[in-house]
């Protein structure tokens, strides 16, 4: 009985973790994109001369 439970639990946990990670990745990517966009907007006039 206990062996049966231990077979199923990791599988369910893995499925949940994968789903959570996928949600986190999507959210994280959007967050990073927003931060980069804001940084570029603020630093663009400063960075432009140093890049060329």
N, C-alpha and C. Protein backbone atom coordinates (compact mmCIF):
# COMPACT_ATOMS: atom_id res chain seq x y z
N UNK A 1 0.83 -1.20 0.00
CA UNK A 1 0.00 0.00 0.00
C UNK A 1 0.87 1.26 0.00
N UNK A 2 1.85 1.28 0.91
CA UNK A 2 2.71 2.45 1.00
C UNK A 2 3.54 2.62 -0.27
N UNK A 3 3.98 1.50 -0.83
CA UNK A 3 4.76 1.55 -2.07
C UNK A 3 3.94 2.19 -3.19
N UNK A 4 2.65 1.86 -3.24
CA UNK A 4 1.75 2.38 -4.26
C UNK A 4 1.66 3.91 -4.16
N UNK A 5 1.50 4.39 -2.91
CA UNK A 5 1.39 5.83 -2.67
C UNK A 5 2.66 6.53 -3.13
N UNK A 6 3.81 5.98 -2.77
CA UNK A 6 5.08 6.62 -3.11
C UNK A 6 5.35 6.61 -4.60
N UNK A 7 4.69 5.68 -5.32
CA UNK A 7 4.81 5.69 -6.77
C UNK A 7 4.03 6.84 -7.39
N UNK A 8 2.88 7.15 -6.80
CA UNK A 8 1.99 8.16 -7.40
C UNK A 8 2.36 9.58 -6.99
N UNK A 9 2.80 9.75 -5.75
CA UNK A 9 3.07 11.10 -5.24
C UNK A 9 4.11 11.85 -6.08
N UNK A 10 5.29 11.27 -6.34
CA UNK A 10 6.29 12.01 -7.13
C UNK A 10 5.77 12.42 -8.50
N UNK A 11 4.98 11.55 -9.11
CA UNK A 11 4.43 11.85 -10.44
C UNK A 11 3.51 13.07 -10.38
N UNK A 12 2.62 13.10 -9.38
CA UNK A 12 1.70 14.22 -9.23
C UNK A 12 2.47 15.49 -8.90
N UNK A 13 3.45 15.38 -8.02
CA UNK A 13 4.27 16.53 -7.66
C UNK A 13 5.01 17.07 -8.87
N UNK A 14 5.55 16.17 -9.67
CA UNK A 14 6.28 16.57 -10.87
C UNK A 14 5.37 17.31 -11.84
N UNK A 15 4.16 16.78 -12.03
CA UNK A 15 3.21 17.42 -12.93
C UNK A 15 2.85 18.82 -12.44
N UNK A 16 2.61 18.94 -11.13
CA UNK A 16 2.28 20.24 -10.56
C UNK A 16 3.45 21.20 -10.70
N UNK A 17 4.65 20.72 -10.40
CA UNK A 17 5.84 21.56 -10.48
C UNK A 17 6.06 22.04 -11.91
N UNK A 18 5.88 21.15 -12.88
CA UNK A 18 6.08 21.52 -14.28
C UNK A 18 5.11 22.62 -14.67
N UNK A 19 3.85 22.47 -14.25
CA UNK A 19 2.82 23.47 -14.54
C UNK A 19 3.19 24.80 -13.90
N UNK A 20 3.59 24.76 -12.64
CA UNK A 20 3.96 25.97 -11.91
C UNK A 20 5.15 26.65 -12.59
N UNK A 21 6.16 25.84 -12.96
CA UNK A 21 7.35 26.38 -13.60
C UNK A 21 7.00 27.07 -14.91
N UNK A 22 6.09 26.46 -15.68
CA UNK A 22 5.69 27.03 -16.95
C UNK A 22 5.03 28.39 -16.73
N UNK A 23 4.13 28.45 -15.71
CA UNK A 23 3.47 29.72 -15.37
C UNK A 23 4.51 30.75 -14.91
N UNK A 24 5.45 30.31 -14.09
CA UNK A 24 6.48 31.22 -13.59
C UNK A 24 7.35 31.73 -14.73
N UNK A 25 7.70 30.85 -15.67
CA UNK A 25 8.52 31.25 -16.80
C UNK A 25 7.83 32.32 -17.62
N UNK A 26 6.55 32.12 -17.93
CA UNK A 26 5.81 33.10 -18.72
C UNK A 26 5.76 34.43 -17.97
N UNK A 27 5.45 34.37 -16.68
CA UNK A 27 5.37 35.58 -15.88
C UNK A 27 6.74 36.24 -15.77
N UNK A 28 7.76 35.42 -15.54
CA UNK A 28 9.12 35.93 -15.39
C UNK A 28 9.62 36.60 -16.66
N UNK A 29 9.34 35.99 -17.81
CA UNK A 29 9.77 36.57 -19.09
C UNK A 29 9.09 37.92 -19.29
N UNK A 30 7.80 38.00 -19.02
CA UNK A 30 7.08 39.26 -19.17
C UNK A 30 7.66 40.32 -18.24
N UNK A 31 7.96 39.90 -17.01
CA UNK A 31 8.52 40.82 -16.03
C UNK A 31 9.87 41.35 -16.50
N UNK A 32 10.74 40.45 -16.97
CA UNK A 32 12.06 40.84 -17.46
C UNK A 32 11.93 41.78 -18.66
N UNK A 33 11.02 41.45 -19.59
CA UNK A 33 10.81 42.30 -20.76
C UNK A 33 10.38 43.70 -20.33
N UNK A 34 9.48 43.78 -19.36
CA UNK A 34 9.02 45.09 -18.88
C UNK A 34 10.16 45.87 -18.25
N UNK A 35 10.99 45.20 -17.45
CA UNK A 35 12.12 45.86 -16.80
C UNK A 35 13.09 46.38 -17.85
N UNK A 36 13.42 45.53 -18.85
CA UNK A 36 14.34 45.93 -19.91
C UNK A 36 13.78 47.11 -20.68
N UNK A 37 12.47 47.06 -20.99
CA UNK A 37 11.84 48.15 -21.73
C UNK A 37 11.94 49.46 -20.95
N UNK A 38 11.66 49.38 -19.64
CA UNK A 38 11.72 50.58 -18.81
C UNK A 38 13.15 51.10 -18.72
N UNK A 39 14.10 50.19 -18.54
CA UNK A 39 15.51 50.60 -18.46
C UNK A 39 15.95 51.26 -19.76
N UNK A 40 15.55 50.70 -20.88
CA UNK A 40 15.93 51.26 -22.18
C UNK A 40 15.33 52.65 -22.36
N UNK A 41 14.08 52.80 -21.93
CA UNK A 41 13.43 54.11 -22.05
C UNK A 41 14.16 55.15 -21.21
N UNK A 42 14.62 54.76 -20.02
CA UNK A 42 15.28 55.71 -19.14
C UNK A 42 16.72 55.97 -19.58
N UNK A 43 17.40 54.92 -20.05
CA UNK A 43 18.83 55.03 -20.32
C UNK A 43 19.14 55.31 -21.78
N UNK A 44 18.15 55.28 -22.63
CA UNK A 44 18.38 55.41 -24.07
C UNK A 44 19.19 56.65 -24.43
N UNK A 45 18.83 57.84 -23.94
CA UNK A 45 19.61 59.02 -24.29
C UNK A 45 21.04 58.95 -23.77
N UNK A 46 21.23 58.27 -22.64
CA UNK A 46 22.56 58.18 -22.04
C UNK A 46 23.41 57.13 -22.79
N UNK A 47 22.77 56.01 -23.14
CA UNK A 47 23.50 54.90 -23.75
C UNK A 47 23.83 55.16 -25.21
N UNK A 48 22.99 55.89 -25.89
CA UNK A 48 23.17 56.08 -27.33
C UNK A 48 24.55 56.63 -27.69
N UNK A 49 25.03 57.71 -27.04
CA UNK A 49 26.35 58.22 -27.41
C UNK A 49 27.49 57.24 -27.11
N UNK A 50 27.36 56.45 -26.01
CA UNK A 50 28.44 55.55 -25.63
C UNK A 50 28.50 54.34 -26.56
N UNK A 51 27.37 53.99 -27.19
CA UNK A 51 27.36 52.82 -28.07
C UNK A 51 28.04 53.12 -29.40
N UNK A 52 27.92 54.33 -29.88
CA UNK A 52 28.46 54.64 -31.21
C UNK A 52 29.93 55.03 -31.13
